[in-house]
Amino acid sequence: MTARHRAGLRAALVSAAIIGAASSAAAEAARQLKWADLIPKATASATDALRGKTFFGGSTPAPDNGAPPPPLAEGQFMSVKRRQPGNDRPPAVVPELDGQSVSIGGYVVPLDFDATTVKEFLLVPFVGACIHVPPPPANQIIYVKTEKGFEVGGQFDPVTVTGKINTAVAFTGLADAGYTITADTVEPRTK
């Protein structure tokens, strides 16, 4: 091997290392979010927003005296309209997040899927949100779109979504989402 070939090989290896480091840095550049980061500091905490929510009703306000809400007639709990807390006003979102590359973990509520491949879903902070209990506030639901789709492991398996977040409200038939992420990756999360 000539000196010229060695120099060319060395340059190619250096270029490959730089490209690999740049790809790794781009993946690491995503801001790691927690669900509390989606709530503006000026608004009430998530627990205050959810305080009046009952397991089945979601819209029965807690009495001012701290007593439990009156019981519903037997068999009537499914007839109560399920509402998201605060759905009578625009969702309180953190506008500074708009356009950022982020990464956040949560649970999948599929919206558009083909067999076991999901392309659109709601990302929620806890298992069963939007399905078995009233939906969380809109700023605790993220509408996720992924062009490639991903294979669902198990219904209650957590995932990590990485992509660009927007503060555009998404109206779905299941719940309103205060944020939208166009996902680059959706990966199973280790517990």
N, C-alpha and C. Protein backbone atom coordinates (compact mmCIF):
# COMPACT_ATOMS: atom_id res chain seq x y z
N MET A 1 0.85 -1.15 0.00
CA MET A 1 0.00 0.00 0.00
C MET A 1 0.91 1.23 0.00
N THR A 2 0.57 2.15 -0.88
CA THR A 2 1.39 3.35 -1.01
C THR A 2 0.98 4.38 0.04
N ALA A 3 1.84 5.36 0.18
CA ALA A 3 1.56 6.43 1.15
C ALA A 3 0.29 7.18 0.77
N ARG A 4 0.07 7.30 -0.53
CA ARG A 4 -1.13 8.00 -1.02
C ARG A 4 -2.38 7.22 -0.62
N HIS A 5 -2.36 5.89 -0.77
CA HIS A 5 -3.50 5.05 -0.40
C HIS A 5 -3.75 5.10 1.11
N ARG A 6 -2.65 5.05 1.87
CA ARG A 6 -2.80 5.13 3.34
C ARG A 6 -3.41 6.46 3.75
N ALA A 7 -3.00 7.55 3.13
CA ALA A 7 -3.54 8.87 3.46
C ALA A 7 -5.02 8.94 3.09
N GLY A 8 -5.39 8.37 1.96
CA GLY A 8 -6.80 8.35 1.54
C GLY A 8 -7.65 7.51 2.48
N LEU A 9 -7.11 6.34 2.89
CA LEU A 9 -7.81 5.47 3.83
C LEU A 9 -7.98 6.16 5.18
N ARG A 10 -6.91 6.82 5.62
CA ARG A 10 -6.96 7.54 6.89
C ARG A 10 -8.01 8.66 6.82
N ALA A 11 -8.08 9.40 5.72
CA ALA A 11 -9.06 10.48 5.55
C ALA A 11 -10.48 9.92 5.57
N ALA A 12 -10.68 8.77 4.92
CA ALA A 12 -12.01 8.14 4.90
C ALA A 12 -12.43 7.71 6.30
N LEU A 13 -11.49 7.13 7.06
CA LEU A 13 -11.80 6.71 8.43
C LEU A 13 -12.12 7.91 9.33
N VAL A 14 -11.37 8.98 9.17
CA VAL A 14 -11.63 10.19 9.96
C VAL A 14 -13.00 10.75 9.60
N SER A 15 -13.34 10.80 8.31
CA SER A 15 -14.66 11.29 7.87
C SER A 15 -15.77 10.44 8.46
N ALA A 16 -15.60 9.12 8.43
CA ALA A 16 -16.61 8.22 8.99
C ALA A 16 -16.78 8.46 10.49
N ALA A 17 -15.68 8.66 11.18
CA ALA A 17 -15.75 8.92 12.62
C ALA A 17 -16.46 10.24 12.90
N ILE A 18 -16.20 11.26 12.09
CA ILE A 18 -16.85 12.56 12.28
C ILE A 18 -18.34 12.45 12.02
N ILE A 19 -18.74 11.76 10.95
CA ILE A 19 -20.16 11.58 10.63
C ILE A 19 -20.85 10.81 11.75
N GLY A 20 -20.22 9.75 12.23
CA GLY A 20 -20.80 8.97 13.33
C GLY A 20 -20.95 9.81 14.58
N ALA A 21 -19.97 10.62 14.89
CA ALA A 21 -20.05 11.48 16.07
C ALA A 21 -21.14 12.52 15.90
N ALA A 22 -21.30 13.06 14.69
CA ALA A 22 -22.35 14.05 14.43
C ALA A 22 -23.72 13.43 14.58
N SER A 23 -23.91 12.20 14.09
CA SER A 23 -25.20 11.51 14.23
C SER A 23 -25.49 11.26 15.70
N SER A 24 -24.49 10.83 16.42
CA SER A 24 -24.65 10.56 17.85
C SER A 24 -24.97 11.85 18.59
N ALA A 25 -24.31 12.94 18.24
CA ALA A 25 -24.55 14.22 18.89
C ALA A 25 -25.96 14.71 18.60
N ALA A 26 -26.44 14.49 17.37
CA ALA A 26 -27.81 14.91 17.02
C ALA A 26 -28.83 14.15 17.85
N ALA A 27 -28.60 12.85 18.04
CA ALA A 27 -29.52 12.05 18.84
C ALA A 27 -29.48 12.50 20.30
N GLU A 28 -28.29 12.86 20.78
CA GLU A 28 -28.15 13.31 22.16
C GLU A 28 -28.66 14.73 22.34
N ALA A 29 -28.79 15.50 21.25
CA ALA A 29 -29.22 16.89 21.34
C ALA A 29 -30.70 17.01 21.70
N ALA A 30 -31.45 15.95 21.58
CA ALA A 30 -32.87 16.00 21.93
C ALA A 30 -33.01 16.27 23.43
N ARG A 31 -33.82 17.25 23.75
CA ARG A 31 -34.06 17.61 25.16
C ARG A 31 -34.89 16.51 25.82
N GLN A 32 -34.42 16.01 26.94
CA GLN A 32 -35.13 14.98 27.69
C GLN A 32 -36.24 15.65 28.50
N LEU A 33 -37.49 15.34 28.16
CA LEU A 33 -38.62 15.94 28.85
C LEU A 33 -39.21 14.99 29.88
N LYS A 34 -39.76 15.58 30.92
CA LYS A 34 -40.60 14.87 31.89
C LYS A 34 -42.00 15.44 31.69
N TRP A 35 -43.00 14.71 32.12
CA TRP A 35 -44.38 15.16 31.92
C TRP A 35 -44.63 16.50 32.60
N ALA A 36 -44.00 16.76 33.72
CA ALA A 36 -44.18 18.03 34.42
C ALA A 36 -43.66 19.20 33.60
N ASP A 37 -42.70 18.94 32.68
CA ASP A 37 -42.16 20.00 31.83
C ASP A 37 -43.20 20.52 30.83
N LEU A 38 -44.30 19.79 30.63
CA LEU A 38 -45.33 20.18 29.67
C LEU A 38 -46.38 21.11 30.28
N ILE A 39 -46.27 21.34 31.58
CA ILE A 39 -47.22 22.20 32.28
C ILE A 39 -46.56 23.55 32.52
N PRO A 40 -47.18 24.64 32.05
CA PRO A 40 -46.59 25.96 32.31
C PRO A 40 -46.47 26.23 33.80
N LYS A 41 -45.41 26.90 34.18
CA LYS A 41 -45.16 27.19 35.60
C LYS A 41 -46.27 28.06 36.20
N ALA A 42 -46.89 28.93 35.39
CA ALA A 42 -47.89 29.86 35.89
C ALA A 42 -49.23 29.20 36.19
N THR A 43 -49.45 27.98 35.68
CA THR A 43 -50.74 27.31 35.92
C THR A 43 -50.64 26.40 37.12
N ALA A 44 -51.77 25.87 37.50
CA ALA A 44 -51.81 24.96 38.65
C ALA A 44 -51.03 23.69 38.32
N SER A 45 -50.58 23.03 39.36
CA SER A 45 -49.84 21.77 39.16
C SER A 45 -50.77 20.70 38.62
N ALA A 46 -50.21 19.62 38.11
CA ALA A 46 -51.00 18.53 37.54
C ALA A 46 -51.94 17.94 38.59
N THR A 47 -51.48 17.84 39.81
CA THR A 47 -52.36 17.26 40.84
C THR A 47 -53.52 18.18 41.13
N ASP A 48 -53.32 19.49 41.11
CA ASP A 48 -54.43 20.41 41.31
C ASP A 48 -55.42 20.32 40.17
N ALA A 49 -54.92 20.18 38.94
CA ALA A 49 -55.79 20.09 37.77
C ALA A 49 -56.61 18.82 37.80
N LEU A 50 -56.08 17.76 38.38
CA LEU A 50 -56.79 16.48 38.39
C LEU A 50 -57.55 16.23 39.69
N ARG A 51 -57.48 17.14 40.64
CA ARG A 51 -58.06 16.92 41.96
C ARG A 51 -59.54 16.58 41.91
N GLY A 52 -60.33 17.24 41.08
CA GLY A 52 -61.77 17.01 41.05
C GLY A 52 -62.18 15.82 40.21
N LYS A 53 -61.26 15.11 39.61
CA LYS A 53 -61.58 14.02 38.70
C LYS A 53 -61.91 12.76 39.48
N THR A 54 -63.04 12.17 39.17
CA THR A 54 -63.38 10.89 39.75
C THR A 54 -62.96 9.79 38.79
N PHE A 55 -62.90 8.57 39.27
CA PHE A 55 -62.41 7.48 38.42
C PHE A 55 -63.25 7.29 37.17
N PHE A 56 -64.57 7.28 37.30
CA PHE A 56 -65.42 7.04 36.13
C PHE A 56 -65.94 8.32 35.50
N GLY A 57 -66.20 9.32 36.29
CA GLY A 57 -66.87 10.51 35.77
C GLY A 57 -65.94 11.51 35.14
N GLY A 58 -64.93 11.90 35.84
CA GLY A 58 -63.99 12.86 35.31
C GLY A 58 -64.50 14.27 35.27
N SER A 59 -65.81 14.48 35.43
CA SER A 59 -66.33 15.84 35.34
C SER A 59 -67.06 16.27 36.59
N THR A 60 -67.14 15.42 37.58
CA THR A 60 -67.83 15.77 38.81
C THR A 60 -66.86 16.57 39.68
N PRO A 61 -67.15 17.86 39.91
CA PRO A 61 -66.23 18.64 40.72
C PRO A 61 -66.28 18.20 42.18
N ALA A 62 -65.16 18.33 42.85
CA ALA A 62 -65.10 17.99 44.27
C ALA A 62 -65.83 19.07 45.05
N PRO A 63 -66.66 18.70 46.00
CA PRO A 63 -67.35 19.71 46.81
C PRO A 63 -66.33 20.57 47.55
N ASP A 64 -66.70 21.81 47.80
CA ASP A 64 -65.81 22.74 48.48
C ASP A 64 -65.47 22.30 49.90
N ASN A 65 -66.39 21.54 50.54
CA ASN A 65 -66.16 21.14 51.92
C ASN A 65 -65.27 19.91 52.05
N GLY A 66 -64.77 19.38 50.93
CA GLY A 66 -63.88 18.23 50.96
C GLY A 66 -64.59 16.90 51.01
N ALA A 67 -65.92 16.91 51.07
CA ALA A 67 -66.68 15.66 51.08
C ALA A 67 -66.65 15.02 49.70
N PRO A 68 -66.80 13.70 49.61
CA PRO A 68 -66.80 13.05 48.29
C PRO A 68 -68.03 13.48 47.49
N PRO A 69 -67.94 13.42 46.15
CA PRO A 69 -69.08 13.81 45.32
C PRO A 69 -70.24 12.83 45.55
N PRO A 70 -71.46 13.29 45.31
CA PRO A 70 -72.60 12.39 45.51
C PRO A 70 -72.52 11.20 44.57
N PRO A 71 -72.96 10.03 45.02
CA PRO A 71 -72.89 8.85 44.16
C PRO A 71 -73.90 8.92 43.02
N LEU A 72 -73.54 8.29 41.90
CA LEU A 72 -74.46 8.20 40.77
C LEU A 72 -75.37 7.00 40.98
N ALA A 73 -76.54 7.07 40.38
CA ALA A 73 -77.45 5.94 40.47
C ALA A 73 -76.80 4.71 39.85
N GLU A 74 -77.12 3.54 40.40
CA GLU A 74 -76.51 2.31 39.92
C GLU A 74 -76.72 2.17 38.41
N GLY A 75 -75.65 1.82 37.72
CA GLY A 75 -75.71 1.62 36.27
C GLY A 75 -75.63 2.90 35.47
N GLN A 76 -75.49 4.05 36.11
CA GLN A 76 -75.49 5.32 35.40
C GLN A 76 -74.10 5.89 35.16
N PHE A 77 -73.05 5.26 35.70
CA PHE A 77 -71.72 5.85 35.58
C PHE A 77 -71.26 5.95 34.14
N MET A 78 -71.72 5.07 33.27
CA MET A 78 -71.28 5.13 31.87
C MET A 78 -72.03 6.21 31.09
N SER A 79 -73.12 6.74 31.63
CA SER A 79 -73.87 7.77 30.92
C SER A 79 -73.33 9.18 31.19
N VAL A 80 -72.44 9.30 32.15
CA VAL A 80 -71.87 10.61 32.46
C VAL A 80 -70.85 10.98 31.38
N LYS A 81 -70.98 12.19 30.87
CA LYS A 81 -70.05 12.64 29.83
C LYS A 81 -68.65 12.73 30.40
N ARG A 82 -67.69 12.08 29.74
CA ARG A 82 -66.30 12.15 30.16
C ARG A 82 -65.69 13.40 29.56
N ARG A 83 -65.16 14.24 30.41
CA ARG A 83 -64.54 15.46 29.93
C ARG A 83 -63.11 15.53 30.44
N GLN A 84 -62.29 16.13 29.65
CA GLN A 84 -60.94 16.40 30.10
C GLN A 84 -60.98 17.61 31.01
N PRO A 85 -60.19 17.59 32.09
CA PRO A 85 -60.13 18.79 32.92
C PRO A 85 -59.69 19.99 32.10
N GLY A 86 -60.43 21.09 32.21
CA GLY A 86 -60.06 22.31 31.51
C GLY A 86 -60.42 22.34 30.04
N ASN A 87 -61.34 21.45 29.58
CA ASN A 87 -61.63 21.43 28.14
C ASN A 87 -62.51 22.59 27.71
N ASP A 88 -62.92 23.44 28.63
CA ASP A 88 -63.72 24.60 28.28
C ASP A 88 -62.86 25.81 27.89
N ARG A 89 -61.55 25.64 27.88
CA ARG A 89 -60.63 26.72 27.52
C ARG A 89 -59.43 26.12 26.77
N PRO A 90 -58.66 26.97 26.07
CA PRO A 90 -57.48 26.44 25.35
C PRO A 90 -56.51 25.79 26.34
N PRO A 91 -55.84 24.71 25.90
CA PRO A 91 -54.91 24.04 26.81
C PRO A 91 -53.73 24.94 27.18
N ALA A 92 -53.32 24.84 28.42
CA ALA A 92 -52.15 25.59 28.89
C ALA A 92 -50.91 24.81 28.49
N VAL A 93 -50.17 25.33 27.52
CA VAL A 93 -48.97 24.66 27.04
C VAL A 93 -47.76 25.55 27.28
N VAL A 94 -46.59 24.99 27.08
CA VAL A 94 -45.33 25.73 27.24
C VAL A 94 -44.87 26.13 25.84
N PRO A 95 -45.10 27.40 25.44
CA PRO A 95 -44.79 27.81 24.07
C PRO A 95 -43.31 27.69 23.71
N GLU A 96 -42.42 27.76 24.71
CA GLU A 96 -40.98 27.67 24.44
C GLU A 96 -40.58 26.30 23.88
N LEU A 97 -41.42 25.29 24.06
CA LEU A 97 -41.10 23.96 23.54
C LEU A 97 -41.31 23.85 22.04
N ASP A 98 -42.12 24.75 21.47
CA ASP A 98 -42.48 24.66 20.06
C ASP A 98 -41.25 24.61 19.16
N GLY A 99 -41.18 23.56 18.34
CA GLY A 99 -40.10 23.39 17.37
C GLY A 99 -38.85 22.72 17.91
N GLN A 100 -38.80 22.40 19.20
CA GLN A 100 -37.61 21.78 19.77
C GLN A 100 -37.56 20.28 19.47
N SER A 101 -36.36 19.74 19.44
CA SER A 101 -36.15 18.30 19.35
C SER A 101 -36.18 17.77 20.78
N VAL A 102 -37.11 16.84 21.04
CA VAL A 102 -37.30 16.35 22.40
C VAL A 102 -37.37 14.83 22.43
N SER A 103 -37.26 14.31 23.63
CA SER A 103 -37.42 12.89 23.89
C SER A 103 -38.22 12.75 25.17
N ILE A 104 -39.27 11.92 25.15
CA ILE A 104 -40.13 11.75 26.32
C ILE A 104 -40.67 10.32 26.35
N GLY A 105 -40.78 9.78 27.53
CA GLY A 105 -41.31 8.44 27.70
C GLY A 105 -42.77 8.47 28.10
N GLY A 106 -43.49 7.42 27.75
CA GLY A 106 -44.91 7.33 28.11
C GLY A 106 -45.51 6.05 27.58
N TYR A 107 -46.84 6.05 27.47
CA TYR A 107 -47.57 4.86 27.05
C TYR A 107 -48.39 5.18 25.81
N VAL A 108 -48.57 4.19 24.95
CA VAL A 108 -49.21 4.36 23.65
C VAL A 108 -50.70 4.06 23.74
N VAL A 109 -51.50 4.98 23.17
CA VAL A 109 -52.92 4.74 22.93
C VAL A 109 -53.06 4.84 21.40
N PRO A 110 -53.11 3.69 20.69
CA PRO A 110 -53.10 3.71 19.22
C PRO A 110 -54.33 4.40 18.63
N LEU A 111 -54.10 5.15 17.55
CA LEU A 111 -55.18 5.79 16.80
C LEU A 111 -55.25 5.24 15.38
N ASP A 112 -54.09 5.12 14.72
CA ASP A 112 -54.03 4.62 13.34
C ASP A 112 -53.01 3.50 13.31
N PHE A 113 -53.48 2.29 13.00
CA PHE A 113 -52.57 1.16 12.97
C PHE A 113 -53.02 0.15 11.94
N ASP A 114 -52.06 -0.66 11.52
CA ASP A 114 -52.31 -1.75 10.58
C ASP A 114 -51.71 -3.00 11.23
N ALA A 115 -52.57 -3.89 11.68
CA ALA A 115 -52.16 -5.09 12.43
C ALA A 115 -51.42 -4.63 13.69
N THR A 116 -50.11 -4.84 13.75
CA THR A 116 -49.36 -4.42 14.95
C THR A 116 -48.46 -3.22 14.68
N THR A 117 -48.57 -2.59 13.51
CA THR A 117 -47.78 -1.41 13.18
C THR A 117 -48.61 -0.16 13.45
N VAL A 118 -48.11 0.71 14.31
CA VAL A 118 -48.81 1.94 14.69
C VAL A 118 -48.13 3.13 14.01
N LYS A 119 -48.95 4.01 13.39
CA LYS A 119 -48.40 5.21 12.75
C LYS A 119 -48.84 6.49 13.44
N GLU A 120 -49.98 6.46 14.11
CA GLU A 120 -50.47 7.62 14.85
C GLU A 120 -50.98 7.13 16.19
N PHE A 121 -50.63 7.88 17.25
CA PHE A 121 -51.07 7.48 18.57
C PHE A 121 -51.03 8.65 19.52
N LEU A 122 -51.67 8.46 20.66
CA LEU A 122 -51.56 9.42 21.75
C LEU A 122 -50.53 8.88 22.72
N LEU A 123 -49.61 9.73 23.13
CA LEU A 123 -48.64 9.36 24.16
C LEU A 123 -49.16 9.96 25.46
N VAL A 124 -49.31 9.10 26.47
CA VAL A 124 -49.89 9.52 27.74
C VAL A 124 -48.95 9.14 28.88
N PRO A 125 -49.09 9.80 30.03
CA PRO A 125 -48.14 9.57 31.13
C PRO A 125 -48.38 8.32 31.95
N PHE A 126 -49.56 7.70 31.84
CA PHE A 126 -49.82 6.51 32.66
C PHE A 126 -50.66 5.51 31.88
N VAL A 127 -50.56 4.25 32.25
CA VAL A 127 -51.28 3.16 31.59
C VAL A 127 -52.78 3.38 31.73
N GLY A 128 -53.49 3.20 30.63
CA GLY A 128 -54.95 3.27 30.66
C GLY A 128 -55.52 4.66 30.47
N ALA A 129 -54.69 5.69 30.41
CA ALA A 129 -55.21 7.04 30.19
C ALA A 129 -55.97 7.07 28.88
N CYS A 130 -57.11 7.73 28.87
CA CYS A 130 -57.97 7.90 27.69
C CYS A 130 -58.81 6.66 27.39
N ILE A 131 -58.55 5.54 28.02
CA ILE A 131 -59.30 4.34 27.69
C ILE A 131 -60.20 3.94 28.85
N HIS A 132 -59.61 3.62 29.98
CA HIS A 132 -60.37 3.11 31.11
C HIS A 132 -60.76 4.19 32.11
N VAL A 133 -60.15 5.34 32.02
CA VAL A 133 -60.44 6.44 32.93
C VAL A 133 -60.60 7.70 32.08
N PRO A 134 -61.16 8.76 32.65
CA PRO A 134 -61.25 10.01 31.88
C PRO A 134 -59.87 10.47 31.45
N PRO A 135 -59.79 11.13 30.29
CA PRO A 135 -58.49 11.58 29.80
C PRO A 135 -57.85 12.61 30.71
N PRO A 136 -56.53 12.65 30.73
CA PRO A 136 -55.83 13.71 31.47
C PRO A 136 -56.04 15.05 30.77
N PRO A 137 -55.59 16.14 31.38
CA PRO A 137 -55.68 17.44 30.70
C PRO A 137 -54.92 17.41 29.38
N ALA A 138 -55.31 18.27 28.45
CA ALA A 138 -54.70 18.28 27.12
C ALA A 138 -53.18 18.47 27.17
N ASN A 139 -52.67 19.21 28.17
CA ASN A 139 -51.22 19.41 28.22
C ASN A 139 -50.48 18.19 28.78
N GLN A 140 -51.21 17.11 29.03
CA GLN A 140 -50.59 15.86 29.46
C GLN A 140 -50.85 14.75 28.45
N ILE A 141 -51.20 15.14 27.22
CA ILE A 141 -51.41 14.20 26.11
C ILE A 141 -50.65 14.74 24.91
N ILE A 142 -49.90 13.85 24.25
CA ILE A 142 -49.15 14.23 23.06
C ILE A 142 -49.63 13.38 21.89
N TYR A 143 -50.03 14.05 20.81
CA TYR A 143 -50.41 13.36 19.58
C TYR A 143 -49.12 13.10 18.81
N VAL A 144 -48.85 11.83 18.48
CA VAL A 144 -47.59 11.46 17.83
C VAL A 144 -47.89 10.88 16.45
N LYS A 145 -47.14 11.38 15.46
CA LYS A 145 -47.20 10.84 14.10
C LYS A 145 -45.82 10.31 13.76
N THR A 146 -45.76 9.11 13.20
CA THR A 146 -44.49 8.56 12.74
C THR A 146 -44.72 7.97 11.36
N GLU A 147 -43.97 8.45 10.39
CA GLU A 147 -44.18 8.03 9.01
C GLU A 147 -43.90 6.54 8.81
N LYS A 148 -42.84 6.05 9.44
CA LYS A 148 -42.46 4.64 9.28
C LYS A 148 -43.38 3.71 10.05
N GLY A 149 -43.92 4.18 11.15
CA GLY A 149 -44.67 3.31 12.04
C GLY A 149 -43.71 2.51 12.90
N PHE A 150 -44.24 1.84 13.90
CA PHE A 150 -43.43 0.99 14.75
C PHE A 150 -44.28 -0.18 15.21
N GLU A 151 -43.62 -1.25 15.56
CA GLU A 151 -44.29 -2.45 16.01
C GLU A 151 -44.61 -2.34 17.49
N VAL A 152 -45.86 -2.56 17.82
CA VAL A 152 -46.29 -2.52 19.22
C VAL A 152 -45.85 -3.81 19.88
N GLY A 153 -45.16 -3.68 21.01
CA GLY A 153 -44.76 -4.86 21.77
C GLY A 153 -45.94 -5.39 22.55
N GLY A 154 -46.24 -4.74 23.66
CA GLY A 154 -47.38 -5.08 24.48
C GLY A 154 -48.20 -3.84 24.74
N GLN A 155 -49.46 -4.03 25.05
CA GLN A 155 -50.37 -2.92 25.23
C GLN A 155 -49.93 -1.98 26.35
N PHE A 156 -49.27 -2.50 27.35
CA PHE A 156 -48.89 -1.67 28.50
C PHE A 156 -47.39 -1.45 28.59
N ASP A 157 -46.67 -1.67 27.49
CA ASP A 157 -45.22 -1.46 27.48
C ASP A 157 -44.91 0.02 27.25
N PRO A 158 -44.03 0.61 28.04
CA PRO A 158 -43.67 2.02 27.84
C PRO A 158 -42.76 2.19 26.63
N VAL A 159 -42.82 3.37 26.03
CA VAL A 159 -41.98 3.71 24.89
C VAL A 159 -41.32 5.06 25.14
N THR A 160 -40.26 5.33 24.38
CA THR A 160 -39.63 6.64 24.37
C THR A 160 -39.77 7.19 22.96
N VAL A 161 -40.32 8.39 22.85
CA VAL A 161 -40.53 9.04 21.56
C VAL A 161 -39.53 10.17 21.44
N THR A 162 -38.84 10.23 20.31
CA THR A 162 -37.89 11.31 20.04
C THR A 162 -38.29 11.95 18.72
N GLY A 163 -38.38 13.27 18.72
CA GLY A 163 -38.75 13.99 17.50
C GLY A 163 -38.98 15.45 17.78
N LYS A 164 -39.60 16.13 16.83
CA LYS A 164 -39.85 17.57 16.92
C LYS A 164 -41.23 17.79 17.52
N ILE A 165 -41.29 18.60 18.59
CA ILE A 165 -42.56 18.87 19.26
C ILE A 165 -43.13 20.20 18.80
N ASN A 166 -44.45 20.25 18.68
CA ASN A 166 -45.16 21.48 18.35
C ASN A 166 -46.27 21.69 19.37
N THR A 167 -46.61 22.94 19.60
CA THR A 167 -47.66 23.25 20.57
C THR A 167 -49.02 23.38 19.90
N ALA A 168 -49.18 22.76 18.74
CA ALA A 168 -50.47 22.78 18.04
C ALA A 168 -51.40 21.77 18.69
N VAL A 169 -52.61 22.20 19.00
CA VAL A 169 -53.60 21.31 19.60
C VAL A 169 -54.09 20.34 18.54
N ALA A 170 -54.18 19.07 18.90
CA ALA A 170 -54.71 18.04 18.00
C ALA A 170 -56.02 17.54 18.58
N PHE A 171 -57.07 17.58 17.77
CA PHE A 171 -58.38 17.12 18.20
C PHE A 171 -58.59 15.71 17.67
N THR A 172 -58.66 14.74 18.55
CA THR A 172 -58.91 13.36 18.14
C THR A 172 -60.27 12.95 18.70
N GLY A 173 -60.80 11.85 18.25
CA GLY A 173 -62.07 11.38 18.76
C GLY A 173 -61.99 10.90 20.19
N LEU A 174 -60.80 10.59 20.64
CA LEU A 174 -60.61 10.03 21.98
C LEU A 174 -60.34 11.11 23.02
N ALA A 175 -59.47 12.05 22.68
CA ALA A 175 -59.12 13.13 23.60
C ALA A 175 -58.40 14.22 22.81
N ASP A 176 -58.37 15.41 23.36
CA ASP A 176 -57.62 16.51 22.75
C ASP A 176 -56.20 16.50 23.30
N ALA A 177 -55.24 16.71 22.42
CA ALA A 177 -53.83 16.72 22.82
C ALA A 177 -53.28 18.13 22.69
N GLY A 178 -52.58 18.59 23.70
CA GLY A 178 -52.02 19.93 23.70
C GLY A 178 -50.73 20.05 22.90
N TYR A 179 -50.10 18.92 22.61
CA TYR A 179 -48.84 18.91 21.89
C TYR A 179 -48.89 17.88 20.76
N THR A 180 -48.05 18.09 19.76
CA THR A 180 -47.89 17.14 18.65
C THR A 180 -46.41 16.88 18.48
N ILE A 181 -46.03 15.61 18.29
CA ILE A 181 -44.64 15.28 17.97
C ILE A 181 -44.62 14.54 16.65
N THR A 182 -43.78 15.01 15.75
CA THR A 182 -43.46 14.25 14.54
C THR A 182 -42.24 13.42 14.92
N ALA A 183 -42.46 12.12 15.09
CA ALA A 183 -41.43 11.26 15.67
C ALA A 183 -40.38 10.84 14.66
N ASP A 184 -39.13 10.93 15.09
CA ASP A 184 -38.02 10.35 14.34
C ASP A 184 -37.88 8.89 14.76
N THR A 185 -38.01 8.64 16.07
CA THR A 185 -37.92 7.27 16.58
C THR A 185 -38.96 7.05 17.66
N VAL A 186 -39.43 5.81 17.74
CA VAL A 186 -40.28 5.34 18.83
C VAL A 186 -39.65 4.01 19.25
N GLU A 187 -39.14 3.98 20.46
CA GLU A 187 -38.41 2.79 20.93
C GLU A 187 -38.99 2.28 22.23
N PRO A 188 -38.96 0.96 22.41
CA PRO A 188 -39.39 0.42 23.72
C PRO A 188 -38.49 0.96 24.81
N ARG A 189 -39.08 1.27 25.93
CA ARG A 189 -38.33 1.83 27.06
C ARG A 189 -38.10 0.72 28.09
N THR A 190 -36.91 0.67 28.59
CA THR A 190 -36.64 -0.30 29.65
C THR A 190 -37.19 0.26 30.93
N LYS A 191 -37.77 -0.60 31.71
CA LYS A 191 -38.43 -0.16 32.95
C LYS A 191 -37.47 0.09 34.06
